[in-house]
Protein backbone atom coordinates (compact mmCIF):
# COMPACT_ATOMS: atom_id res chain seq x y z
CA MET A 1 13.03 21.63 3.06
CA HIS A 2 12.37 24.47 5.46
CA GLU A 3 9.23 24.63 7.56
CA ARG A 4 8.22 28.01 6.11
CA GLU A 5 8.45 26.61 2.58
CA ILE A 6 6.28 23.64 3.51
CA TYR A 7 3.53 25.77 5.01
CA ARG A 8 3.57 28.09 2.01
CA ASN A 9 2.68 25.08 -0.14
CA ILE A 10 -0.60 24.48 1.69
CA PRO A 11 -3.54 26.32 0.11
CA ARG A 12 -5.28 28.86 2.29
CA ARG A 13 -8.99 28.43 2.84
CA VAL A 14 -11.19 31.35 1.87
CA ALA A 15 -14.48 32.51 3.32
CA ASP A 16 -16.44 32.26 0.06
CA SER A 17 -15.90 28.55 -0.56
CA HIS A 18 -17.60 25.17 -0.26
CA LYS A 19 -16.63 21.52 0.10
CA GLY A 20 -16.23 21.08 -3.64
CA ASP A 21 -13.44 23.66 -3.60
CA TYR A 22 -11.23 21.46 -1.42
CA GLY A 23 -10.93 18.37 -3.52
CA ARG A 24 -12.76 15.18 -4.35
CA VAL A 25 -10.62 12.22 -3.34
CA LEU A 26 -11.48 8.67 -4.42
CA ILE A 27 -9.83 6.00 -2.26
CA VAL A 28 -9.95 2.36 -3.36
CA SER A 29 -8.88 0.36 -0.34
CA GLY A 30 -9.41 -2.58 1.96
CA SER A 31 -10.17 -6.31 1.99
CA ARG A 32 -11.35 -8.89 4.50
CA ASN A 33 -7.91 -9.13 6.11
CA TYR A 34 -7.09 -5.41 5.95
CA VAL A 35 -9.89 -3.39 7.49
CA GLY A 36 -7.61 -0.76 9.02
CA ALA A 37 -6.09 0.49 5.76
CA PRO A 38 -9.23 2.26 4.46
CA PHE A 39 -9.79 3.77 7.90
CA PHE A 40 -6.29 5.25 8.03
CA ALA A 41 -6.19 6.48 4.44
CA ALA A 42 -9.64 8.07 4.46
CA SER A 43 -9.20 9.63 7.91
CA ALA A 44 -5.86 11.10 6.86
CA ALA A 45 -7.42 12.65 3.76
CA VAL A 46 -10.23 14.18 5.81
CA ASN A 47 -7.86 15.48 8.50
CA THR A 48 -5.57 16.99 5.88
CA GLY A 49 -8.44 19.10 4.61
CA SER A 50 -10.20 17.28 1.77
CA GLY A 51 -13.68 18.54 1.02
CA LEU A 52 -15.11 15.22 -0.17
CA VAL A 53 -13.67 11.75 0.35
CA TYR A 54 -15.21 8.83 -1.52
CA LEU A 55 -14.20 5.49 -0.03
CA MET A 56 -14.59 2.37 -2.16
CA THR A 57 -14.30 -0.90 -0.25
CA PRO A 58 -15.38 -4.50 -0.85
CA ASP A 59 -18.94 -4.93 0.36
CA VAL A 60 -17.87 -7.63 2.83
CA ILE A 61 -16.06 -5.08 5.01
CA TYR A 62 -18.33 -2.10 4.38
CA PRO A 63 -20.31 -2.45 7.66
CA ILE A 64 -17.10 -2.60 9.71
CA VAL A 65 -15.41 0.38 8.06
CA ALA A 66 -18.61 2.44 8.00
CA HIS A 67 -18.97 1.91 11.75
CA LYS A 68 -15.51 3.45 12.25
CA LEU A 69 -15.91 6.45 9.95
CA ASN A 70 -18.43 9.27 9.69
CA GLU A 71 -17.06 11.68 7.09
CA PRO A 72 -16.41 9.67 3.89
CA ILE A 73 -19.01 8.85 1.27
CA PHE A 74 -19.03 5.08 0.91
CA LEU A 75 -18.97 3.17 -2.36
CA PRO A 76 -19.22 -0.53 -1.47
CA VAL A 77 -18.54 -2.84 -4.41
CA PRO A 78 -18.81 -6.63 -4.90
CA SER A 79 -16.17 -8.82 -3.29
CA ASP A 80 -14.89 -12.27 -4.24
CA GLU A 81 -14.82 -15.41 -2.08
CA ASN A 82 -11.65 -14.14 -0.38
CA GLY A 83 -13.13 -10.79 0.54
CA LYS A 84 -11.24 -8.83 -2.11
CA ILE A 85 -12.42 -6.31 -4.65
CA THR A 86 -13.50 -7.56 -8.09
CA GLU A 87 -13.47 -6.21 -11.64
CA ALA A 88 -17.05 -5.06 -11.07
CA ALA A 89 -15.58 -1.98 -9.36
CA LEU A 90 -14.14 -0.58 -12.59
CA PRO A 91 -17.22 1.27 -13.94
CA THR A 92 -17.68 3.07 -10.62
CA ILE A 93 -14.00 3.98 -10.44
CA LEU A 94 -14.12 5.43 -13.95
CA LYS A 95 -17.36 7.39 -13.65
CA GLN A 96 -16.96 8.71 -10.10
CA LYS A 97 -16.26 12.44 -10.09
CA LYS A 98 -12.83 12.95 -8.56
CA ASP A 99 -9.71 15.12 -8.58
CA VAL A 100 -7.35 12.31 -7.53
CA CYS A 101 -7.52 8.55 -7.03
CA LEU A 102 -5.64 6.67 -4.31
CA PHE A 103 -5.51 2.99 -5.21
CA GLY A 104 -4.10 0.15 -3.18
CA PRO A 105 -4.00 0.27 0.63
CA GLY A 106 -5.08 -3.08 2.02
CA LEU A 107 -6.57 -4.43 -1.22
CA GLY A 108 -4.57 -7.63 -1.06
CA GLN A 109 -3.23 -9.38 -4.13
CA SER A 110 -5.34 -10.97 -6.84
CA ARG A 111 -5.74 -10.94 -10.59
CA ALA A 112 -8.66 -8.53 -10.28
CA VAL A 113 -6.60 -6.07 -8.19
CA SER A 114 -3.81 -6.20 -10.79
CA ASP A 115 -6.23 -5.64 -13.66
CA LEU A 116 -7.90 -2.73 -11.88
CA ALA A 117 -4.56 -1.10 -11.05
CA ARG A 118 -3.41 -1.24 -14.65
CA GLU A 119 -6.71 0.11 -15.92
CA CYS A 120 -6.60 3.01 -13.44
CA VAL A 121 -3.14 3.93 -14.67
CA ARG A 122 -4.16 3.71 -18.33
CA SER A 123 -7.60 5.28 -18.20
CA LEU A 124 -7.91 7.87 -15.44
CA ASP A 125 -7.37 11.48 -16.43
CA CYS A 126 -6.72 12.60 -12.85
CA PRO A 127 -3.55 11.98 -10.80
CA VAL A 128 -3.27 8.47 -9.37
CA VAL A 129 -1.47 7.56 -6.13
CA LEU A 130 -0.44 3.90 -6.07
CA ASP A 131 0.32 2.55 -2.60
CA ALA A 132 0.85 -0.86 -1.02
CA ASP A 133 -1.05 -3.49 -3.02
CA GLY A 134 -1.50 -0.99 -5.82
CA LEU A 135 2.27 -1.20 -6.22
CA ASN A 136 2.35 -4.98 -5.90
CA ALA A 137 -0.32 -5.11 -8.61
CA ILE A 138 1.97 -3.59 -11.23
CA ALA A 139 5.28 -5.01 -9.98
CA LYS A 140 5.52 -7.46 -12.89
CA THR A 141 4.32 -4.95 -15.49
CA PRO A 142 5.80 -1.55 -14.59
CA GLU A 143 5.74 -0.65 -18.28
CA VAL A 144 2.07 0.22 -17.85
CA LEU A 145 3.21 3.39 -16.09
CA LYS A 146 4.36 4.71 -19.46
CA GLU A 147 0.75 4.55 -20.67
CA ALA A 148 -0.55 6.93 -17.98
CA LYS A 149 -2.67 9.89 -19.04
CA ALA A 150 -2.06 11.83 -15.82
CA PRO A 151 0.64 12.13 -13.14
CA ILE A 152 1.39 9.01 -11.12
CA VAL A 153 2.73 9.00 -7.55
CA LEU A 154 4.26 5.78 -6.21
CA THR A 155 4.75 5.37 -2.44
CA PRO A 156 6.83 2.20 -1.96
CA HIS A 157 8.78 1.02 1.02
CA VAL A 158 12.05 -0.74 0.24
CA GLY A 159 10.46 -4.16 -0.26
CA GLU A 160 7.83 -2.85 -2.66
CA PHE A 161 10.39 -0.85 -4.60
CA SER A 162 12.61 -3.92 -4.91
CA ARG A 163 9.72 -5.75 -6.58
CA LEU A 164 9.18 -2.86 -8.98
CA PHE A 165 12.90 -2.42 -9.65
CA PRO A 166 14.74 -5.72 -9.04
CA ALA A 167 18.15 -4.07 -9.51
CA PHE A 168 17.50 -1.81 -6.52
CA SER A 169 20.25 -1.53 -3.90
CA GLU A 170 20.02 0.22 -0.53
CA ARG A 171 23.45 1.65 -1.20
CA ARG A 172 22.09 3.37 -4.31
CA ARG A 173 18.64 4.28 -3.01
CA VAL A 174 18.86 7.87 -4.23
CA GLU A 175 20.26 7.00 -7.65
CA ASP A 176 17.83 4.11 -8.16
CA ALA A 177 14.78 6.13 -7.13
CA LEU A 178 15.78 8.94 -9.49
CA SER A 179 16.49 6.48 -12.29
CA PHE A 180 13.07 4.86 -11.96
CA ALA A 181 11.30 8.23 -11.72
CA LYS A 182 13.01 9.44 -14.89
CA GLU A 183 12.54 6.23 -16.90
CA TYR A 184 8.83 5.88 -16.12
CA GLN A 185 8.06 9.62 -15.68
CA VAL A 186 6.52 9.12 -12.25
CA ILE A 187 6.98 10.57 -8.78
CA VAL A 188 8.64 8.10 -6.41
CA VAL A 189 8.22 8.49 -2.65
CA LEU A 190 10.68 5.91 -1.30
CA LYS A 191 9.74 5.51 2.35
CA GLY A 192 12.13 4.86 5.23
CA HIS A 193 14.60 6.78 7.34
CA ARG A 194 14.84 10.14 5.61
CA THR A 195 12.17 9.34 3.03
CA ILE A 196 13.15 10.60 -0.40
CA THR A 197 10.88 12.03 -3.07
CA ALA A 198 12.34 11.59 -6.54
CA LEU A 199 10.84 13.59 -9.41
CA PRO A 200 11.01 12.71 -13.12
CA ASP A 201 12.90 15.93 -13.89
CA GLY A 202 15.81 14.83 -11.70
CA ARG A 203 15.01 16.80 -8.56
CA LEU A 204 15.14 15.02 -5.22
CA PHE A 205 13.89 15.95 -1.75
CA GLU A 206 15.19 14.21 1.37
CA ASN A 207 12.89 14.46 4.36
CA THR A 208 14.14 15.58 7.77
CA THR A 209 11.08 14.96 9.97
CA GLY A 210 9.87 11.74 11.58
CA ASN A 211 11.15 9.12 14.01
CA PRO A 212 11.28 5.33 14.57
CA GLY A 213 7.98 5.35 16.45
CA MET A 214 6.28 5.69 13.07
CA ALA A 215 7.53 2.26 12.00
CA LYS A 216 4.18 0.55 12.56
CA GLY A 217 1.54 -0.89 10.28
CA GLY A 218 -0.83 1.82 9.11
CA SER A 219 1.64 4.69 8.96
CA GLY A 220 2.01 4.31 5.21
CA ASP A 221 -1.75 4.37 4.72
CA VAL A 222 -1.83 7.67 6.59
CA LEU A 223 0.84 9.11 4.31
CA SER A 224 -0.88 8.03 1.10
CA GLY A 225 -4.14 9.60 2.29
CA MET A 226 -2.30 12.85 3.01
CA ILE A 227 -0.65 12.93 -0.41
CA ALA A 228 -3.97 12.32 -2.16
CA SER A 229 -5.64 15.00 -0.06
CA LEU A 230 -3.13 17.70 -1.00
CA ILE A 231 -3.29 16.77 -4.68
CA GLY A 232 -7.08 16.96 -4.52
CA GLN A 233 -6.83 20.44 -3.04
CA GLY A 234 -5.00 21.65 -6.11
CA ILE A 235 -1.33 21.28 -5.20
CA SER A 236 0.81 19.83 -7.98
CA PRO A 237 1.54 16.13 -7.42
CA GLU A 238 5.27 16.85 -7.14
CA ILE A 239 4.86 19.46 -4.40
CA ALA A 240 2.05 17.53 -2.72
CA ALA A 241 4.27 14.46 -2.40
CA TYR A 242 7.21 16.01 -0.55
CA THR A 243 4.96 18.37 1.42
CA ALA A 244 2.84 15.48 2.70
CA VAL A 245 5.97 13.50 3.58
CA TRP A 246 7.23 16.39 5.71
CA LEU A 247 3.86 16.94 7.41
CA HIS A 248 3.50 13.19 8.03
CA GLY A 249 6.89 13.14 9.75
CA ARG A 250 6.06 16.23 11.77
CA ALA A 251 2.83 14.56 12.94
CA GLY A 252 4.95 11.62 14.04
CA ASP A 253 7.25 13.96 15.93
CA VAL A 254 4.26 15.51 17.72
CA CYS A 255 3.21 12.01 18.81
CA LYS A 256 6.74 11.19 19.97
CA LYS A 257 6.79 14.26 22.18
CA LEU A 258 3.36 13.61 23.69
CA ILE A 259 3.34 9.79 23.89
CA GLY A 260 6.78 8.40 23.11
CA GLU A 261 8.07 6.23 20.31
CA TYR A 262 6.97 2.90 21.78
CA GLY A 263 3.34 3.70 22.49
CA MET A 264 2.49 6.05 19.63
CA THR A 265 0.23 4.64 16.91
CA PRO A 266 -0.96 5.64 13.44
CA THR A 267 -4.30 6.47 15.05
CA ASP A 268 -2.47 9.01 17.23
CA MET A 269 -0.88 10.42 14.09
CA LEU A 270 -4.31 11.09 12.61
CA SER A 271 -5.06 13.47 15.47
CA ALA A 272 -1.59 14.99 15.25
CA ILE A 273 -2.21 15.98 11.62
CA LYS A 274 -4.77 18.46 12.94
CA THR A 275 -2.20 19.92 15.32
CA VAL A 276 0.42 20.24 12.60
CA LEU A 277 -2.03 22.05 10.29
CA ARG A 278 -3.71 24.11 13.00
CA ASP A 279 -1.99 27.39 12.25
CA CYS A 280 -2.11 27.24 8.42
């Protein structure tokens, strides 16, 4: 992928527009033990240009996350005794006006999370990005992906993909990602060195940006927020996926140059997104 091609994919903002023109992103994220995930995902969506970001979190962490964020619209929902989201969130997820739904970062694992993930896949008529615990939630029932009404983007690291596809081998990462994408008709963003984006039509994009300094907890939440943001702004899920991967890596490279691989953090990457998109 060439830099010029990537920047051509990003929609230009016009003078006669308003926040509703730049996407409504619903993010379902967070639990008592994972307060950072909703911060990273929502901040990444905002910094990538989303007009409206709705952030659904368990009510137990709402005060903490709300203290850290100013831009999102919060949708706190009931939590269970372990500080995780419950089935009570489903009506709000279904009725909330949205152009894309990001489900999973930091939700933890529970029966309710699994049930909600499957229902999002089956029922939502907008694209769904499944990340982190959203992937773990369907690992034992990937067949639900075949029931989707709208495009599905999966963003697994190697461990998560191995749970989805037990036959996975690092030696066949390209072939296995393409095979899964074709069988289930989903977009697979298999994260790692030279992240690959496998499309259901057989196309594959290997990323060339990024560095080892990005290998820190929270980086994946940033990427999923960026993918959802671009989809919400009207880019096709296929193009949004590999474009966000490239921009995410470029943000990491900006941090490496300014800070170095050891000290750079996902929080630094959030600021670098603005630099990477500055001249669009």
